[in-house]
Amino acid sequence: MPYRYSTELRVRICQRMLAGEKVADLASEFHISPGTLHRWKKQALIDNDLLSGVKSFDSDELAKARRTIKVLEDELELVKAAAALFYGEVPISPKGGSRLLNP
């Protein structure tokens, strides 16, 4: 699992990079890989409308929408299963066994 840096640290470092400090200097000061800092700098440039691309807060909203859709789909499956039980339909075994439920 990748290491996650605090938002405050990331914002502070991005502000310094946008102010003109070199990535190599910041990488040695904070012991963060230069590749990571380059990705942060690129995203900071996009967020400040200095480069074209998807802004970070746009992708956050998209991720939240996808989580909401997943929750709603799971709830729908539960409602369908409850309706099947209520109307007397034969439930399907979760293990997919080949035995009959009522011999």
PDB file of N, CA and C in Angstrom:
ATOM      1  N   MET A   1       0.848  -1.173   0.000  1.00  0.00           N
ATOM      2  CA  MET A   1       0.000   0.000   0.000  1.00  0.00           C
ATOM      3  C   MET A   1       0.896   1.239   0.000  1.00  0.00           C
ATOM      4  N   PRO A   2       0.621   2.186  -0.884  1.00  0.00           N
ATOM      5  CA  PRO A   2       1.481   3.366  -0.958  1.00  0.00           C
ATOM      6  C   PRO A   2       1.349   4.241   0.284  1.00  0.00           C
ATOM      7  N   TYR A   3       2.444   4.917   0.586  1.00  0.00           N
ATOM      8  CA  TYR A   3       2.450   5.830   1.730  1.00  0.00           C
ATOM      9  C   TYR A   3       1.656   7.082   1.376  1.00  0.00           C
ATOM     10  N   ARG A   4       0.837   7.553   2.308  1.00  0.00           N
ATOM     11  CA  ARG A   4       0.030   8.747   2.072  1.00  0.00           C
ATOM     12  C   ARG A   4       0.569   9.886   2.916  1.00  0.00           C
ATOM     13  N   TYR A   5       0.872  10.987   2.255  1.00  0.00           N
ATOM     14  CA  TYR A   5       1.357  12.181   2.934  1.00  0.00           C
ATOM     15  C   TYR A   5       0.163  13.039   3.308  1.00  0.00           C
ATOM     16  N   SER A   6       0.315  13.824   4.353  1.00  0.00           N
ATOM     17  CA  SER A   6      -0.783  14.682   4.789  1.00  0.00           C
ATOM     18  C   SER A   6      -1.070  15.752   3.732  1.00  0.00           C
ATOM     19  N   THR A   7      -2.300  16.186   3.703  1.00  0.00           N
ATOM     20  CA  THR A   7      -2.722  17.200   2.744  1.00  0.00           C
ATOM     21  C   THR A   7      -1.983  18.505   2.997  1.00  0.00           C
ATOM     22  N   GLU A   8      -1.777  18.843   4.259  1.00  0.00           N
ATOM     23  CA  GLU A   8      -1.093  20.085   4.596  1.00  0.00           C
ATOM     24  C   GLU A   8       0.338  20.083   4.056  1.00  0.00           C
ATOM     25  N   LEU A   9       1.036  18.953   4.214  1.00  0.00           N
ATOM     26  CA  LEU A   9       2.405  18.849   3.709  1.00  0.00           C
ATOM     27  C   LEU A   9       2.420  18.978   2.189  1.00  0.00           C
ATOM     28  N   ARG A  10       1.508  18.300   1.540  1.00  0.00           N
ATOM     29  CA  ARG A  10       1.459  18.350   0.078  1.00  0.00           C
ATOM     30  C   ARG A  10       1.188  19.767  -0.419  1.00  0.00           C
ATOM     31  N   VAL A  11       0.256  20.460   0.214  1.00  0.00           N
ATOM     32  CA  VAL A  11      -0.065  21.836  -0.188  1.00  0.00           C
ATOM     33  C   VAL A  11       1.130  22.750   0.024  1.00  0.00           C
ATOM     34  N   ARG A  12       1.799  22.603   1.164  1.00  0.00           N
ATOM     35  CA  ARG A  12       2.951  23.451   1.465  1.00  0.00           C
ATOM     36  C   ARG A  12       4.079  23.233   0.456  1.00  0.00           C
ATOM     37  N   ILE A  13       4.342  21.957   0.134  1.00  0.00           N
ATOM     38  CA  ILE A  13       5.406  21.660  -0.825  1.00  0.00           C
ATOM     39  C   ILE A  13       5.023  22.167  -2.222  1.00  0.00           C
ATOM     40  N   CYS A  14       3.763  21.984  -2.616  1.00  0.00           N
ATOM     41  CA  CYS A  14       3.323  22.453  -3.941  1.00  0.00           C
ATOM     42  C   CYS A  14       3.428  23.971  -4.052  1.00  0.00           C
ATOM     43  N   GLN A  15       3.110  24.685  -2.983  1.00  0.00           N
ATOM     44  CA  GLN A  15       3.243  26.138  -3.016  1.00  0.00           C
ATOM     45  C   GLN A  15       4.696  26.546  -3.218  1.00  0.00           C
ATOM     46  N   ARG A  16       5.600  25.820  -2.566  1.00  0.00           N
ATOM     47  CA  ARG A  16       7.015  26.132  -2.714  1.00  0.00           C
ATOM     48  C   ARG A  16       7.514  25.804  -4.116  1.00  0.00           C
ATOM     49  N   MET A  17       7.019  24.710  -4.702  1.00  0.00           N
ATOM     50  CA  MET A  17       7.420  24.360  -6.068  1.00  0.00           C
ATOM     51  C   MET A  17       6.899  25.392  -7.058  1.00  0.00           C
ATOM     52  N   LEU A  18       5.665  25.836  -6.872  1.00  0.00           N
ATOM     53  CA  LEU A  18       5.095  26.839  -7.769  1.00  0.00           C
ATOM     54  C   LEU A  18       5.779  28.191  -7.605  1.00  0.00           C
ATOM     55  N   ALA A  19       6.349  28.428  -6.426  1.00  0.00           N
ATOM     56  CA  ALA A  19       7.085  29.674  -6.197  1.00  0.00           C
ATOM     57  C   ALA A  19       8.463  29.642  -6.852  1.00  0.00           C
ATOM     58  N   GLY A  20       8.898  28.450  -7.297  1.00  0.00           N
ATOM     59  CA  GLY A  20      10.156  28.383  -8.030  1.00  0.00           C
ATOM     60  C   GLY A  20      11.229  27.521  -7.416  1.00  0.00           C
ATOM     61  N   GLU A  21      10.973  26.904  -6.271  1.00  0.00           N
ATOM     62  CA  GLU A  21      11.995  26.040  -5.678  1.00  0.00           C
ATOM     63  C   GLU A  21      12.154  24.779  -6.510  1.00  0.00           C
ATOM     64  N   LYS A  22      13.356  24.230  -6.502  1.00  0.00           N
ATOM     65  CA  LYS A  22      13.655  23.057  -7.311  1.00  0.00           C
ATOM     66  C   LYS A  22      13.136  21.789  -6.642  1.00  0.00           C
ATOM     67  N   VAL A  23      12.684  20.878  -7.493  1.00  0.00           N
ATOM     68  CA  VAL A  23      12.146  19.603  -7.010  1.00  0.00           C
ATOM     69  C   VAL A  23      13.231  18.818  -6.274  1.00  0.00           C
ATOM     70  N   ALA A  24      14.432  18.811  -6.786  1.00  0.00           N
ATOM     71  CA  ALA A  24      15.521  18.050  -6.168  1.00  0.00           C
ATOM     72  C   ALA A  24      15.815  18.549  -4.756  1.00  0.00           C
ATOM     73  N   ASP A  25      15.783  19.864  -4.560  1.00  0.00           N
ATOM     74  CA  ASP A  25      16.039  20.424  -3.225  1.00  0.00           C
ATOM     75  C   ASP A  25      14.950  20.008  -2.244  1.00  0.00           C
ATOM     76  N   LEU A  26      13.699  20.086  -2.686  1.00  0.00           N
ATOM     77  CA  LEU A  26      12.585  19.708  -1.815  1.00  0.00           C
ATOM     78  C   LEU A  26      12.584  18.207  -1.544  1.00  0.00           C
ATOM     79  N   ALA A  27      12.960  17.410  -2.540  1.00  0.00           N
ATOM     80  CA  ALA A  27      13.010  15.954  -2.366  1.00  0.00           C
ATOM     81  C   ALA A  27      14.013  15.572  -1.286  1.00  0.00           C
ATOM     82  N   SER A  28      15.174  16.209  -1.290  1.00  0.00           N
ATOM     83  CA  SER A  28      16.173  15.884  -0.265  1.00  0.00           C
ATOM     84  C   SER A  28      15.781  16.433   1.098  1.00  0.00           C
ATOM     85  N   GLU A  29      15.117  17.583   1.120  1.00  0.00           N
ATOM     86  CA  GLU A  29      14.698  18.180   2.405  1.00  0.00           C
ATOM     87  C   GLU A  29      13.614  17.350   3.089  1.00  0.00           C
ATOM     88  N   PHE A  30      12.631  16.862   2.314  1.00  0.00           N
ATOM     89  CA  PHE A  30      11.495  16.154   2.904  1.00  0.00           C
ATOM     90  C   PHE A  30      11.581  14.634   2.764  1.00  0.00           C
ATOM     91  N   HIS A  31      12.645  14.136   2.120  1.00  0.00           N
ATOM     92  CA  HIS A  31      12.837  12.703   1.911  1.00  0.00           C
ATOM     93  C   HIS A  31      11.654  12.079   1.168  1.00  0.00           C
ATOM     94  N   ILE A  32      11.245  12.759   0.105  1.00  0.00           N
ATOM     95  CA  ILE A  32      10.179  12.285  -0.775  1.00  0.00           C
ATOM     96  C   ILE A  32      10.797  12.124  -2.156  1.00  0.00           C
ATOM     97  N   SER A  33      10.398  11.079  -2.861  1.00  0.00           N
ATOM     98  CA  SER A  33      11.016  10.820  -4.170  1.00  0.00           C
ATOM     99  C   SER A  33      10.718  11.955  -5.149  1.00  0.00           C
ATOM    100  N   PRO A  34      11.676  12.269  -5.991  1.00  0.00           N
ATOM    101  CA  PRO A  34      11.463  13.329  -6.983  1.00  0.00           C
ATOM    102  C   PRO A  34      10.291  13.036  -7.922  1.00  0.00           C
ATOM    103  N   GLY A  35      10.070  11.759  -8.236  1.00  0.00           N
ATOM    104  CA  GLY A  35       8.948  11.399  -9.095  1.00  0.00           C
ATOM    105  C   GLY A  35       7.616  11.784  -8.489  1.00  0.00           C
ATOM    106  N   THR A  36       7.490  11.558  -7.189  1.00  0.00           N
ATOM    107  CA  THR A  36       6.267  11.937  -6.483  1.00  0.00           C
ATOM    108  C   THR A  36       6.077  13.446  -6.529  1.00  0.00           C
ATOM    109  N   LEU A  37       7.147  14.177  -6.288  1.00  0.00           N
ATOM    110  CA  LEU A  37       7.051  15.643  -6.303  1.00  0.00           C
ATOM    111  C   LEU A  37       6.728  16.174  -7.694  1.00  0.00           C
ATOM    112  N   HIS A  38       7.242  15.529  -8.728  1.00  0.00           N
ATOM    113  CA  HIS A  38       6.913  15.962 -10.091  1.00  0.00           C
ATOM    114  C   HIS A  38       5.422  15.759 -10.378  1.00  0.00           C
ATOM    115  N   ARG A  39       4.873  14.628  -9.903  1.00  0.00           N
ATOM    116  CA  ARG A  39       3.429  14.398 -10.092  1.00  0.00           C
ATOM    117  C   ARG A  39       2.611  15.441  -9.330  1.00  0.00           C
ATOM    118  N   TRP A  40       3.039  15.749  -8.107  1.00  0.00           N
ATOM    119  CA  TRP A  40       2.332  16.763  -7.317  1.00  0.00           C
ATOM    120  C   TRP A  40       2.395  18.117  -8.008  1.00  0.00           C
ATOM    121  N   LYS A  41       3.571  18.444  -8.554  1.00  0.00           N
ATOM    122  CA  LYS A  41       3.742  19.740  -9.214  1.00  0.00           C
ATOM    123  C   LYS A  41       2.846  19.826 -10.443  1.00  0.00           C
ATOM    124  N   LYS A  42       2.803  18.758 -11.226  1.00  0.00           N
ATOM    125  CA  LYS A  42       1.956  18.762 -12.423  1.00  0.00           C
ATOM    126  C   LYS A  42       0.495  18.960 -12.029  1.00  0.00           C
ATOM    127  N   GLN A  43       0.030  18.248 -10.990  1.00  0.00           N
ATOM    128  CA  GLN A  43      -1.362  18.394 -10.561  1.00  0.00           C
ATOM    129  C   GLN A  43      -1.610  19.796 -10.013  1.00  0.00           C
ATOM    130  N   ALA A  44      -0.637  20.387  -9.330  1.00  0.00           N
ATOM    131  CA  ALA A  44      -0.790  21.753  -8.817  1.00  0.00           C
ATOM    132  C   ALA A  44      -0.895  22.744  -9.976  1.00  0.00           C
ATOM    133  N   LEU A  45      -0.126  22.523 -11.026  1.00  0.00           N
ATOM    134  CA  LEU A  45      -0.220  23.390 -12.205  1.00  0.00           C
ATOM    135  C   LEU A  45      -1.595  23.270 -12.863  1.00  0.00           C
ATOM    136  N   ILE A  46      -2.126  22.062 -12.911  1.00  0.00           N
ATOM    137  CA  ILE A  46      -3.462  21.858 -13.476  1.00  0.00           C
ATOM    138  C   ILE A  46      -4.515  22.540 -12.611  1.00  0.00           C
ATOM    139  N   ASP A  47      -4.408  22.369 -11.293  1.00  0.00           N
ATOM    140  CA  ASP A  47      -5.393  22.971 -10.383  1.00  0.00           C
ATOM    141  C   ASP A  47      -5.367  24.494 -10.429  1.00  0.00           C
ATOM    142  N   ASN A  48      -4.208  25.078 -10.754  1.00  0.00           N
ATOM    143  CA  ASN A  48      -4.084  26.533 -10.833  1.00  0.00           C
ATOM    144  C   ASN A  48      -4.274  27.059 -12.256  1.00  0.00           C
ATOM    145  N   ASP A  49      -4.826  26.228 -13.132  1.00  0.00           N
ATOM    146  CA  ASP A  49      -5.120  26.585 -14.530  1.00  0.00           C
ATOM    147  C   ASP A  49      -3.879  26.990 -15.318  1.00  0.00           C
ATOM    148  N   LEU A  50      -2.732  26.430 -14.980  1.00  0.00           N
ATOM    149  CA  LEU A  50      -1.506  26.707 -15.723  1.00  0.00           C
ATOM    150  C   LEU A  50      -1.212  25.602 -16.735  1.00  0.00           C
ATOM    151  N   LEU A  51      -1.889  24.453 -16.585  1.00  0.00           N
ATOM    152  CA  LEU A  51      -1.824  23.335 -17.529  1.00  0.00           C
ATOM    153  C   LEU A  51      -3.242  22.828 -17.747  1.00  0.00           C
ATOM    154  N   SER A  52      -3.457  22.184 -18.878  1.00  0.00           N
ATOM    155  CA  SER A  52      -4.782  21.604 -19.104  1.00  0.00           C
ATOM    156  C   SER A  52      -4.805  20.192 -18.535  1.00  0.00           C
ATOM    157  N   GLY A  53      -5.971  19.789 -18.037  1.00  0.00           N
ATOM    158  CA  GLY A  53      -6.133  18.454 -17.473  1.00  0.00           C
ATOM    159  C   GLY A  53      -7.290  18.429 -16.499  1.00  0.00           C
ATOM    160  N   VAL A  54      -7.476  17.280 -15.864  1.00  0.00           N
ATOM    161  CA  VAL A  54      -8.562  17.099 -14.896  1.00  0.00           C
ATOM    162  C   VAL A  54      -8.103  17.605 -13.545  1.00  0.00           C
ATOM    163  N   LYS A  55      -8.844  18.535 -12.993  1.00  0.00           N
ATOM    164  CA  LYS A  55      -8.490  19.097 -11.684  1.00  0.00           C
ATOM    165  C   LYS A  55      -8.733  18.062 -10.594  1.00  0.00           C
ATOM    166  N   SER A  56      -7.986  18.157  -9.517  1.00  0.00           N
ATOM    167  CA  SER A  56      -8.068  17.154  -8.458  1.00  0.00           C
ATOM    168  C   SER A  56      -9.441  17.128  -7.805  1.00  0.00           C
ATOM    169  N   PHE A  57     -10.072  18.284  -7.650  1.00  0.00           N
ATOM    170  CA  PHE A  57     -11.384  18.280  -7.013  1.00  0.00           C
ATOM    171  C   PHE A  57     -12.451  17.711  -7.941  1.00  0.00           C
ATOM    172  N   ASP A  58     -12.237  17.744  -9.259  1.00  0.00           N
ATOM    173  CA  ASP A  58     -13.170  17.099 -10.190  1.00  0.00           C
ATOM    174  C   ASP A  58     -13.123  15.596 -10.018  1.00  0.00           C
ATOM    175  N   SER A  59     -11.934  15.033  -9.889  1.00  0.00           N
ATOM    176  CA  SER A  59     -11.821  13.588  -9.727  1.00  0.00           C
ATOM    177  C   SER A  59     -12.346  13.151  -8.369  1.00  0.00           C
ATOM    178  N   ASP A  60     -12.254  14.020  -7.344  1.00  0.00           N
ATOM    179  CA  ASP A  60     -12.821  13.699  -6.036  1.00  0.00           C
ATOM    180  C   ASP A  60     -14.333  13.576  -6.133  1.00  0.00           C
ATOM    181  N   GLU A  61     -14.965  14.490  -6.858  1.00  0.00           N
ATOM    182  CA  GLU A  61     -16.414  14.432  -7.026  1.00  0.00           C
ATOM    183  C   GLU A  61     -16.820  13.189  -7.802  1.00  0.00           C
ATOM    184  N   LEU A  62     -16.037  12.807  -8.790  1.00  0.00           N
ATOM    185  CA  LEU A  62     -16.318  11.614  -9.568  1.00  0.00           C
ATOM    186  C   LEU A  62     -16.204  10.365  -8.698  1.00  0.00           C
ATOM    187  N   ALA A  63     -15.191  10.297  -7.869  1.00  0.00           N
ATOM    188  CA  ALA A  63     -15.017   9.150  -6.976  1.00  0.00           C
ATOM    189  C   ALA A  63     -16.178   9.062  -5.988  1.00  0.00           C
ATOM    190  N   LYS A  64     -16.625  10.204  -5.472  1.00  0.00           N
ATOM    191  CA  LYS A  64     -17.754  10.217  -4.549  1.00  0.00           C
ATOM    192  C   LYS A  64     -19.021   9.734  -5.254  1.00  0.00           C
ATOM    193  N   ALA A  65     -19.228  10.161  -6.485  1.00  0.00           N
ATOM    194  CA  ALA A  65     -20.405   9.728  -7.246  1.00  0.00           C
ATOM    195  C   ALA A  65     -20.366   8.221  -7.489  1.00  0.00           C
ATOM    196  N   ARG A  66     -19.197   7.692  -7.806  1.00  0.00           N
ATOM    197  CA  ARG A  66     -19.072   6.245  -8.030  1.00  0.00           C
ATOM    198  C   ARG A  66     -19.353   5.455  -6.758  1.00  0.00           C
ATOM    199  N   ARG A  67     -18.882   5.960  -5.607  1.00  0.00           N
ATOM    200  CA  ARG A  67     -19.182   5.283  -4.337  1.00  0.00           C
ATOM    201  C   ARG A  67     -20.678   5.293  -4.062  1.00  0.00           C
ATOM    202  N   THR A  68     -21.334   6.421  -4.337  1.00  0.00           N
ATOM    203  CA  THR A  68     -22.779   6.522  -4.130  1.00  0.00           C
ATOM    204  C   THR A  68     -23.517   5.542  -5.033  1.00  0.00           C
ATOM    205  N   ILE A  69     -23.101   5.437  -6.278  1.00  0.00           N
ATOM    206  CA  ILE A  69     -23.730   4.496  -7.207  1.00  0.00           C
ATOM    207  C   ILE A  69     -23.568   3.075  -6.701  1.00  0.00           C
ATOM    208  N   LYS A  70     -22.384   2.713  -6.205  1.00  0.00           N
ATOM    209  CA  LYS A  70     -22.146   1.366  -5.691  1.00  0.00           C
ATOM    210  C   LYS A  70     -23.062   1.068  -4.515  1.00  0.00           C
ATOM    211  N   VAL A  71     -23.220   2.019  -3.602  1.00  0.00           N
ATOM    212  CA  VAL A  71     -24.095   1.826  -2.443  1.00  0.00           C
ATOM    213  C   VAL A  71     -25.541   1.623  -2.910  1.00  0.00           C
ATOM    214  N   LEU A  72     -25.979   2.437  -3.851  1.00  0.00           N
ATOM    215  CA  LEU A  72     -27.348   2.317  -4.345  1.00  0.00           C
ATOM    216  C   LEU A  72     -27.570   0.996  -5.072  1.00  0.00           C
ATOM    217  N   GLU A  73     -26.596   0.536  -5.840  1.00  0.00           N
ATOM    218  CA  GLU A  73     -26.724  -0.761  -6.514  1.00  0.00           C
ATOM    219  C   GLU A  73     -26.801  -1.898  -5.510  1.00  0.00           C
ATOM    220  N   ASP A  74     -26.003  -1.830  -4.435  1.00  0.00           N
ATOM    221  CA  ASP A  74     -26.062  -2.856  -3.390  1.00  0.00           C
ATOM    222  C   ASP A  74     -27.428  -2.863  -2.708  1.00  0.00           C
ATOM    223  N   GLU A  75     -27.966  -1.674  -2.422  1.00  0.00           N
ATOM    224  CA  GLU A  75     -29.290  -1.589  -1.809  1.00  0.00           C
ATOM    225  C   GLU A  75     -30.356  -2.158  -2.734  1.00  0.00           C
ATOM    226  N   LEU A  76     -30.242  -1.915  -4.023  1.00  0.00           N
ATOM    227  CA  LEU A  76     -31.200  -2.437  -4.986  1.00  0.00           C
ATOM    228  C   LEU A  76     -31.183  -3.960  -5.008  1.00  0.00           C
ATOM    229  N   GLU A  77     -30.001  -4.548  -4.926  1.00  0.00           N
ATOM    230  CA  GLU A  77     -29.903  -6.011  -4.881  1.00  0.00           C
ATOM    231  C   GLU A  77     -30.599  -6.563  -3.638  1.00  0.00           C
ATOM    232  N   LEU A  78     -30.447  -5.883  -2.507  1.00  0.00           N
ATOM    233  CA  LEU A  78     -31.131  -6.321  -1.288  1.00  0.00           C
ATOM    234  C   LEU A  78     -32.643  -6.237  -1.438  1.00  0.00           C
ATOM    235  N   VAL A  79     -33.113  -5.173  -2.036  1.00  0.00           N
ATOM    236  CA  VAL A  79     -34.561  -5.004  -2.246  1.00  0.00           C
ATOM    237  C   VAL A  79     -35.083  -6.096  -3.179  1.00  0.00           C
ATOM    238  N   LYS A  80     -34.340  -6.406  -4.230  1.00  0.00           N
ATOM    239  CA  LYS A  80     -34.755  -7.466  -5.148  1.00  0.00           C
ATOM    240  C   LYS A  80     -34.821  -8.808  -4.435  1.00  0.00           C
ATOM    241  N   ALA A  81     -33.824  -9.108  -3.596  1.00  0.00           N
ATOM    242  CA  ALA A  81     -33.823 -10.372  -2.858  1.00  0.00           C
ATOM    243  C   ALA A  81     -34.998 -10.435  -1.889  1.00  0.00           C
ATOM    244  N   ALA A  82     -35.287  -9.322  -1.216  1.00  0.00           N
ATOM    245  CA  ALA A  82     -36.420  -9.290  -0.287  1.00  0.00           C
ATOM    246  C   ALA A  82     -37.734  -9.460  -1.032  1.00  0.00           C
ATOM    247  N   ALA A  83     -37.867  -8.844  -2.182  1.00  0.00           N
ATOM    248  CA  ALA A  83     -39.088  -8.982  -2.980  1.00  0.00           C
ATOM    249  C   ALA A  83     -39.259 -10.422  -3.455  1.00  0.00           C
ATOM    250  N   ALA A  84     -38.176 -11.069  -3.833  1.00  0.00           N
ATOM    251  CA  ALA A  84     -38.249 -12.459  -4.269  1.00  0.00           C
ATOM    252  C   ALA A  84     -38.732 -13.349  -3.132  1.00  0.00           C
ATOM    253  N   LEU A  85     -38.241 -13.109  -1.920  1.00  0.00           N
ATOM    254  CA  LEU A  85     -38.707 -13.885  -0.766  1.00  0.00           C
ATOM    255  C   LEU A  85     -40.174 -13.585  -0.456  1.00  0.00           C
ATOM    256  N   PHE A  86     -40.556 -12.345  -0.553  1.00  0.00           N
ATOM    257  CA  PHE A  86     -41.932 -11.944  -0.229  1.00  0.00           C
ATOM    258  C   PHE A  86     -42.930 -12.569  -1.201  1.00  0.00           C
ATOM    259  N   TYR A  87     -42.585 -12.652  -2.470  1.00  0.00           N
ATOM    260  CA  TYR A  87     -43.498 -13.190  -3.471  1.00  0.00           C
ATOM    261  C   TYR A  87     -43.351 -14.693  -3.652  1.00  0.00           C
ATOM    262  N   GLY A  88     -42.570 -15.340  -2.807  1.00  0.00           N
ATOM    263  CA  GLY A  88     -42.489 -16.795  -2.804  1.00  0.00           C
ATOM    264  C   GLY A  88     -41.610 -17.395  -3.878  1.00  0.00           C
ATOM    265  N   GLU A  89     -40.773 -16.621  -4.514  1.00  0.00           N
ATOM    266  CA  GLU A  89     -39.860 -17.178  -5.496  1.00  0.00           C
ATOM    267  C   GLU A  89     -38.787 -17.986  -4.782  1.00  0.00           C
ATOM    268  N   VAL A  90     -38.297 -19.013  -5.443  1.00  0.00           N
ATOM    269  CA  VAL A  90     -37.291 -19.876  -4.842  1.00  0.00           C
ATOM    270  C   VAL A  90     -35.962 -19.136  -4.825  1.00  0.00           C
ATOM    271  N   PRO A  91     -35.377 -18.968  -3.625  1.00  0.00           N
ATOM    272  CA  PRO A  91     -34.090 -18.277  -3.567  1.00  0.00           C
ATOM    273  C   PRO A  91     -32.986 -19.138  -4.169  1.00  0.00           C
ATOM    274  N   ILE A  92     -32.047 -18.492  -4.785  1.00  0.00           N
ATOM    275  CA  ILE A  92     -30.904 -19.178  -5.360  1.00  0.00           C
ATOM    276  C   ILE A  92     -29.844 -19.319  -4.281  1.00  0.00           C
ATOM    277  N   SER A  93     -29.276 -20.504  -4.204  1.00  0.00           N
ATOM    278  CA  SER A  93     -28.244 -20.755  -3.208  1.00  0.00           C
ATOM    279  C   SER A  93     -27.031 -19.880  -3.492  1.00  0.00           C
ATOM    280  N   PRO A  94     -26.475 -19.226  -2.484  1.00  0.00           N
ATOM    281  CA  PRO A  94     -25.317 -18.369  -2.720  1.00  0.00           C
ATOM    282  C   PRO A  94     -24.087 -19.164  -3.152  1.00  0.00           C
ATOM    283  N   LYS A  95     -24.060 -20.461  -2.832  1.00  0.00           N
ATOM    284  CA  LYS A  95     -22.915 -21.260  -3.232  1.00  0.00           C
ATOM    285  C   LYS A  95     -23.116 -21.892  -4.600  1.00  0.00           C
ATOM    286  N   GLY A  96     -24.303 -21.770  -5.156  1.00  0.00           N
ATOM    287  CA  GLY A  96     -24.553 -22.299  -6.489  1.00  0.00           C
ATOM    288  C   GLY A  96     -24.542 -23.818  -6.548  1.00  0.00           C
ATOM    289  N   GLY A  97     -24.983 -24.459  -5.483  1.00  0.00           N
ATOM    290  CA  GLY A  97     -25.013 -25.928  -5.438  1.00  0.00           C
ATOM    291  C   GLY A  97     -26.028 -26.502  -6.416  1.00  0.00           C
ATOM    292  N   SER A  98     -25.860 -27.763  -6.751  1.00  0.00           N
ATOM    293  CA  SER A  98     -26.751 -28.396  -7.715  1.00  0.00           C
ATOM    294  C   SER A  98     -27.863 -29.186  -7.046  1.00  0.00           C
ATOM    295  N   ARG A  99     -27.886 -29.249  -5.710  1.00  0.00           N
ATOM    296  CA  ARG A  99     -28.927 -29.991  -5.011  1.00  0.00           C
ATOM    297  C   ARG A  99     -30.233 -29.210  -5.024  1.00  0.00           C
ATOM    298  N   LEU A 100     -31.339 -29.953  -5.027  1.00  0.00           N
ATOM    299  CA  LEU A 100     -32.646 -29.311  -4.963  1.00  0.00           C
ATOM    300  C   LEU A 100     -32.922 -28.860  -3.543  1.00  0.00           C
ATOM    301  N   LEU A 101     -33.623 -27.749  -3.395  1.00  0.00           N
ATOM    302  CA  LEU A 101     -33.945 -27.243  -2.062  1.00  0.00           C
ATOM    303  C   LEU A 101     -35.083 -28.049  -1.439  1.00  0.00           C
ATOM    304  N   ASN A 102     -36.068 -28.447  -2.257  1.00  0.00           N
ATOM    305  CA  ASN A 102     -37.201 -29.232  -1.761  1.00  0.00           C
ATOM    306  C   ASN A 102     -37.297 -30.522  -2.585  1.00  0.00           C
ATOM    307  N   PRO A 103     -36.690 -31.633  -2.099  1.00  0.00           N
ATOM    308  CA  PRO A 103     -36.726 -32.872  -2.902  1.00  0.00           C
ATOM    309  C   PRO A 103     -38.101 -33.492  -2.954  1.00  0.00           C
TER     310      PRO A 103
END
